[in-house]
Amino acid sequence: MFLVALFRFDLRPKRTVNVVVPVLLAYMFLVTLIGKPLPALVPIGTCVLLVNWKEFKLTKDERMATVGVTVLGLALFTWGMFQKPTDKIIVPSRPETGRESPKSPS
């Protein structure tokens, strides 16, 4: 999706791919180190924005909204990473051996 948008809007697709590939490899290495899943769209989107930043002509309001959404997203991401899981695993008990179940009248 990002590459299609880069070609469609005449941005820098080759330079972007040359930056995204090593960043994603380092990101995957980081995921294996910490042992928690992380969203891959974050580094991809960040690379696309950083490589093509000069191409974006944002108004003051758009810049403020972008910063606000970025701060909110980082805050939610950080909060979510440190939450304890709330799901409880229920392990069914094993039926006792040696006891017969009641027989039906038929």
N, C-alpha and C. Protein backbone atom coordinates (compact mmCIF):
# COMPACT_ATOMS: atom_id res chain seq x y z
N MET A 1 0.83 -1.18 0.00
CA MET A 1 0.00 0.00 0.00
C MET A 1 0.88 1.25 0.00
N PHE A 2 1.92 1.23 0.85
CA PHE A 2 2.79 2.40 0.92
C PHE A 2 3.51 2.61 -0.41
N LEU A 3 4.00 1.52 -1.02
CA LEU A 3 4.71 1.66 -2.29
C LEU A 3 3.81 2.16 -3.40
N VAL A 4 2.58 1.70 -3.43
CA VAL A 4 1.64 2.17 -4.44
C VAL A 4 1.42 3.67 -4.26
N ALA A 5 1.26 4.12 -3.04
CA ALA A 5 1.07 5.55 -2.78
C ALA A 5 2.32 6.33 -3.16
N LEU A 6 3.50 5.78 -2.91
CA LEU A 6 4.74 6.48 -3.27
C LEU A 6 4.85 6.68 -4.77
N PHE A 7 4.55 5.63 -5.55
CA PHE A 7 4.60 5.76 -6.99
C PHE A 7 3.49 6.68 -7.51
N ARG A 8 2.32 6.55 -6.93
CA ARG A 8 1.16 7.34 -7.38
C ARG A 8 1.39 8.84 -7.20
N PHE A 9 2.02 9.24 -6.10
CA PHE A 9 2.19 10.66 -5.81
C PHE A 9 3.62 11.15 -6.11
N ASP A 10 4.37 10.40 -6.90
CA ASP A 10 5.72 10.79 -7.33
C ASP A 10 6.62 11.15 -6.16
N LEU A 11 6.66 10.27 -5.17
CA LEU A 11 7.56 10.48 -4.04
C LEU A 11 8.86 9.74 -4.34
N ARG A 12 9.58 9.28 -3.36
CA ARG A 12 10.88 8.62 -3.56
C ARG A 12 10.78 7.13 -3.22
N PRO A 13 10.23 6.31 -4.12
CA PRO A 13 10.01 4.90 -3.78
C PRO A 13 11.29 4.09 -3.61
N LYS A 14 12.29 4.30 -4.47
CA LYS A 14 13.52 3.50 -4.38
C LYS A 14 14.27 3.83 -3.10
N ARG A 15 14.40 5.08 -2.78
CA ARG A 15 15.09 5.50 -1.55
C ARG A 15 14.33 4.98 -0.33
N THR A 16 13.00 5.02 -0.39
CA THR A 16 12.19 4.55 0.73
C THR A 16 12.40 3.06 0.97
N VAL A 17 12.41 2.26 -0.08
CA VAL A 17 12.63 0.82 0.06
C VAL A 17 14.03 0.55 0.62
N ASN A 18 15.01 1.33 0.16
CA ASN A 18 16.38 1.15 0.66
C ASN A 18 16.50 1.49 2.14
N VAL A 19 15.61 2.29 2.67
CA VAL A 19 15.61 2.62 4.10
C VAL A 19 14.74 1.63 4.88
N VAL A 20 13.58 1.27 4.32
CA VAL A 20 12.62 0.42 5.03
C VAL A 20 13.19 -0.99 5.28
N VAL A 21 13.86 -1.57 4.31
CA VAL A 21 14.32 -2.96 4.45
C VAL A 21 15.28 -3.13 5.63
N PRO A 22 16.36 -2.32 5.75
CA PRO A 22 17.22 -2.52 6.92
C PRO A 22 16.55 -2.17 8.24
N VAL A 23 15.66 -1.17 8.22
CA VAL A 23 14.95 -0.81 9.46
C VAL A 23 14.05 -1.97 9.89
N LEU A 24 13.35 -2.61 8.96
CA LEU A 24 12.50 -3.74 9.31
C LEU A 24 13.31 -4.94 9.80
N LEU A 25 14.47 -5.16 9.21
CA LEU A 25 15.33 -6.24 9.70
C LEU A 25 15.76 -5.98 11.14
N ALA A 26 16.17 -4.75 11.44
CA ALA A 26 16.54 -4.40 12.81
C ALA A 26 15.34 -4.51 13.75
N TYR A 27 14.17 -4.13 13.25
CA TYR A 27 12.94 -4.19 14.05
C TYR A 27 12.59 -5.64 14.37
N MET A 28 12.73 -6.54 13.41
CA MET A 28 12.46 -7.95 13.65
C MET A 28 13.45 -8.53 14.66
N PHE A 29 14.70 -8.10 14.59
CA PHE A 29 15.69 -8.53 15.56
C PHE A 29 15.30 -8.04 16.96
N LEU A 30 14.81 -6.81 17.06
CA LEU A 30 14.35 -6.27 18.34
C LEU A 30 13.18 -7.08 18.88
N VAL A 31 12.27 -7.47 18.01
CA VAL A 31 11.11 -8.27 18.43
C VAL A 31 11.57 -9.62 18.99
N THR A 32 12.57 -10.23 18.37
CA THR A 32 13.06 -11.51 18.89
C THR A 32 13.77 -11.33 20.22
N LEU A 33 14.40 -10.18 20.43
CA LEU A 33 15.08 -9.93 21.70
C LEU A 33 14.11 -9.73 22.85
N ILE A 34 13.07 -8.92 22.63
CA ILE A 34 12.15 -8.63 23.74
C ILE A 34 11.07 -9.68 23.87
N GLY A 35 10.81 -10.44 22.83
CA GLY A 35 9.86 -11.54 22.92
C GLY A 35 8.40 -11.13 22.92
N LYS A 36 8.11 -9.89 22.55
CA LYS A 36 6.73 -9.44 22.46
C LYS A 36 6.44 -9.00 21.03
N PRO A 37 5.23 -9.23 20.57
CA PRO A 37 4.91 -8.79 19.21
C PRO A 37 4.78 -7.27 19.15
N LEU A 38 5.29 -6.70 18.09
CA LEU A 38 5.20 -5.26 17.87
C LEU A 38 4.62 -5.01 16.49
N PRO A 39 3.88 -3.91 16.31
CA PRO A 39 3.28 -3.64 14.99
C PRO A 39 4.33 -3.21 13.98
N ALA A 40 4.33 -3.84 12.82
CA ALA A 40 5.33 -3.54 11.79
C ALA A 40 4.99 -2.29 11.00
N LEU A 41 3.74 -1.85 11.02
CA LEU A 41 3.38 -0.65 10.27
C LEU A 41 4.00 0.60 10.87
N VAL A 42 4.37 0.56 12.14
CA VAL A 42 4.96 1.74 12.78
C VAL A 42 6.31 2.08 12.14
N PRO A 43 7.27 1.15 12.05
CA PRO A 43 8.53 1.52 11.40
C PRO A 43 8.39 1.78 9.90
N ILE A 44 7.47 1.07 9.24
CA ILE A 44 7.27 1.30 7.82
C ILE A 44 6.75 2.72 7.58
N GLY A 45 5.73 3.09 8.30
CA GLY A 45 5.16 4.43 8.16
C GLY A 45 6.15 5.51 8.55
N THR A 46 6.93 5.26 9.59
CA THR A 46 7.93 6.24 10.02
C THR A 46 8.98 6.44 8.95
N CYS A 47 9.45 5.36 8.34
CA CYS A 47 10.44 5.47 7.27
C CYS A 47 9.88 6.22 6.07
N VAL A 48 8.64 5.91 5.71
CA VAL A 48 8.02 6.60 4.57
C VAL A 48 7.93 8.10 4.86
N LEU A 49 7.53 8.45 6.07
CA LEU A 49 7.42 9.87 6.41
C LEU A 49 8.79 10.55 6.44
N LEU A 50 9.78 9.92 7.05
CA LEU A 50 11.09 10.55 7.16
C LEU A 50 11.78 10.72 5.81
N VAL A 51 11.72 9.70 4.95
CA VAL A 51 12.38 9.79 3.65
C VAL A 51 11.70 10.83 2.76
N ASN A 52 10.38 10.94 2.86
CA ASN A 52 9.63 11.82 1.97
C ASN A 52 9.15 13.10 2.65
N TRP A 53 9.75 13.44 3.77
CA TRP A 53 9.26 14.58 4.56
C TRP A 53 9.25 15.88 3.75
N LYS A 54 10.24 16.11 2.90
CA LYS A 54 10.31 17.36 2.12
C LYS A 54 9.18 17.47 1.11
N GLU A 55 8.61 16.33 0.76
CA GLU A 55 7.54 16.33 -0.24
C GLU A 55 6.19 16.73 0.35
N PHE A 56 6.06 16.65 1.67
CA PHE A 56 4.78 16.97 2.31
C PHE A 56 4.70 18.47 2.56
N LYS A 57 3.63 19.07 2.09
CA LYS A 57 3.40 20.49 2.31
C LYS A 57 2.18 20.61 3.23
N LEU A 58 2.42 20.63 4.53
CA LEU A 58 1.34 20.67 5.50
C LEU A 58 1.12 22.09 5.99
N THR A 59 -0.15 22.41 6.23
CA THR A 59 -0.46 23.70 6.84
C THR A 59 -0.17 23.61 8.34
N LYS A 60 -0.25 24.73 9.01
CA LYS A 60 0.02 24.76 10.45
C LYS A 60 -0.95 23.86 11.20
N ASP A 61 -2.23 23.90 10.83
CA ASP A 61 -3.23 23.05 11.49
C ASP A 61 -2.97 21.57 11.25
N GLU A 62 -2.57 21.23 10.04
CA GLU A 62 -2.27 19.83 9.73
C GLU A 62 -1.05 19.34 10.52
N ARG A 63 -0.05 20.20 10.65
CA ARG A 63 1.13 19.83 11.45
C ARG A 63 0.75 19.61 12.91
N MET A 64 -0.06 20.50 13.47
CA MET A 64 -0.48 20.35 14.87
C MET A 64 -1.29 19.09 15.06
N ALA A 65 -2.18 18.79 14.13
CA ALA A 65 -2.99 17.57 14.21
C ALA A 65 -2.11 16.33 14.10
N THR A 66 -1.11 16.35 13.23
CA THR A 66 -0.20 15.23 13.07
C THR A 66 0.59 14.98 14.35
N VAL A 67 1.09 16.05 14.96
CA VAL A 67 1.83 15.92 16.22
C VAL A 67 0.90 15.38 17.31
N GLY A 68 -0.33 15.89 17.37
CA GLY A 68 -1.28 15.43 18.39
C GLY A 68 -1.61 13.95 18.24
N VAL A 69 -1.84 13.50 17.03
CA VAL A 69 -2.16 12.09 16.79
C VAL A 69 -0.94 11.22 17.10
N THR A 70 0.26 11.71 16.77
CA THR A 70 1.48 10.95 17.05
C THR A 70 1.68 10.79 18.55
N VAL A 71 1.51 11.87 19.30
CA VAL A 71 1.67 11.80 20.76
C VAL A 71 0.63 10.88 21.36
N LEU A 72 -0.61 10.99 20.92
CA LEU A 72 -1.68 10.12 21.43
C LEU A 72 -1.39 8.66 21.10
N GLY A 73 -0.95 8.38 19.88
CA GLY A 73 -0.64 7.01 19.49
C GLY A 73 0.51 6.43 20.30
N LEU A 74 1.56 7.22 20.51
CA LEU A 74 2.68 6.74 21.32
C LEU A 74 2.27 6.51 22.77
N ALA A 75 1.42 7.38 23.29
CA ALA A 75 0.95 7.20 24.67
C ALA A 75 0.13 5.92 24.81
N LEU A 76 -0.79 5.68 23.87
CA LEU A 76 -1.61 4.47 23.91
C LEU A 76 -0.76 3.22 23.72
N PHE A 77 0.21 3.29 22.83
CA PHE A 77 1.12 2.16 22.60
C PHE A 77 1.90 1.83 23.87
N THR A 78 2.45 2.86 24.49
CA THR A 78 3.23 2.65 25.71
C THR A 78 2.35 2.10 26.83
N TRP A 79 1.18 2.64 26.99
CA TRP A 79 0.24 2.16 28.01
C TRP A 79 -0.12 0.70 27.76
N GLY A 80 -0.40 0.36 26.50
CA GLY A 80 -0.79 -1.00 26.17
C GLY A 80 0.31 -2.02 26.38
N MET A 81 1.55 -1.60 26.17
CA MET A 81 2.67 -2.53 26.34
C MET A 81 2.88 -2.93 27.80
N PHE A 82 2.48 -2.08 28.73
CA PHE A 82 2.72 -2.36 30.14
C PHE A 82 1.49 -2.85 30.90
N GLN A 83 0.41 -3.15 30.18
CA GLN A 83 -0.78 -3.68 30.82
C GLN A 83 -0.63 -5.18 31.02
N LYS A 84 -1.11 -5.66 32.16
CA LYS A 84 -1.09 -7.10 32.40
C LYS A 84 -2.29 -7.73 31.70
N PRO A 85 -2.11 -8.92 31.17
CA PRO A 85 -3.25 -9.60 30.54
C PRO A 85 -4.35 -9.86 31.58
N THR A 86 -5.60 -9.69 31.16
CA THR A 86 -6.71 -9.89 32.09
C THR A 86 -7.42 -11.23 31.86
N ASP A 87 -7.09 -11.92 30.79
CA ASP A 87 -7.73 -13.20 30.52
C ASP A 87 -7.24 -14.25 31.52
N LYS A 88 -8.20 -14.97 32.08
CA LYS A 88 -7.84 -16.06 32.98
C LYS A 88 -8.02 -17.37 32.24
N ILE A 89 -7.06 -18.23 32.39
CA ILE A 89 -7.12 -19.53 31.74
C ILE A 89 -7.79 -20.51 32.69
N ILE A 90 -8.87 -21.11 32.24
CA ILE A 90 -9.60 -22.09 33.05
C ILE A 90 -9.19 -23.48 32.57
N VAL A 91 -8.60 -24.23 33.45
CA VAL A 91 -8.18 -25.59 33.12
C VAL A 91 -9.25 -26.54 33.63
N PRO A 92 -9.87 -27.30 32.72
CA PRO A 92 -10.90 -28.23 33.18
C PRO A 92 -10.29 -29.34 34.02
N SER A 93 -11.02 -29.72 35.06
CA SER A 93 -10.51 -30.79 35.93
C SER A 93 -10.72 -32.14 35.25
N ARG A 94 -9.85 -33.08 35.56
CA ARG A 94 -9.96 -34.41 34.98
C ARG A 94 -11.00 -35.21 35.75
N PRO A 95 -11.76 -36.02 35.05
CA PRO A 95 -12.71 -36.88 35.77
C PRO A 95 -11.94 -37.91 36.59
N GLU A 96 -12.49 -38.20 37.73
CA GLU A 96 -11.83 -39.18 38.60
C GLU A 96 -11.92 -40.57 37.97
N THR A 97 -10.87 -41.31 38.06
CA THR A 97 -10.88 -42.67 37.51
C THR A 97 -11.36 -43.64 38.58
N GLY A 98 -11.99 -44.68 38.16
CA GLY A 98 -12.45 -45.69 39.10
C GLY A 98 -13.91 -45.48 39.51
N ARG A 99 -14.41 -44.31 39.32
CA ARG A 99 -15.83 -44.05 39.65
C ARG A 99 -16.64 -44.22 38.38
N GLU A 100 -17.70 -44.95 38.54
CA GLU A 100 -18.57 -45.14 37.39
C GLU A 100 -19.65 -44.07 37.41
N SER A 101 -20.06 -43.67 36.22
CA SER A 101 -21.15 -42.70 36.14
C SER A 101 -22.46 -43.44 36.36
N PRO A 102 -23.47 -42.73 36.86
CA PRO A 102 -24.77 -43.38 37.08
C PRO A 102 -25.35 -43.92 35.78
N LYS A 103 -25.90 -45.12 35.87
CA LYS A 103 -26.45 -45.74 34.67
C LYS A 103 -27.87 -45.25 34.45
N SER A 104 -28.24 -45.14 33.19
CA SER A 104 -29.59 -44.71 32.86
C SER A 104 -30.54 -45.89 33.03
N PRO A 105 -31.82 -45.59 33.28
CA PRO A 105 -32.78 -46.67 33.49
C PRO A 105 -32.96 -47.58 32.29
N SER A 106 -32.62 -47.16 31.10
CA SER A 106 -32.83 -48.02 29.92
C SER A 106 -31.70 -48.95 29.88
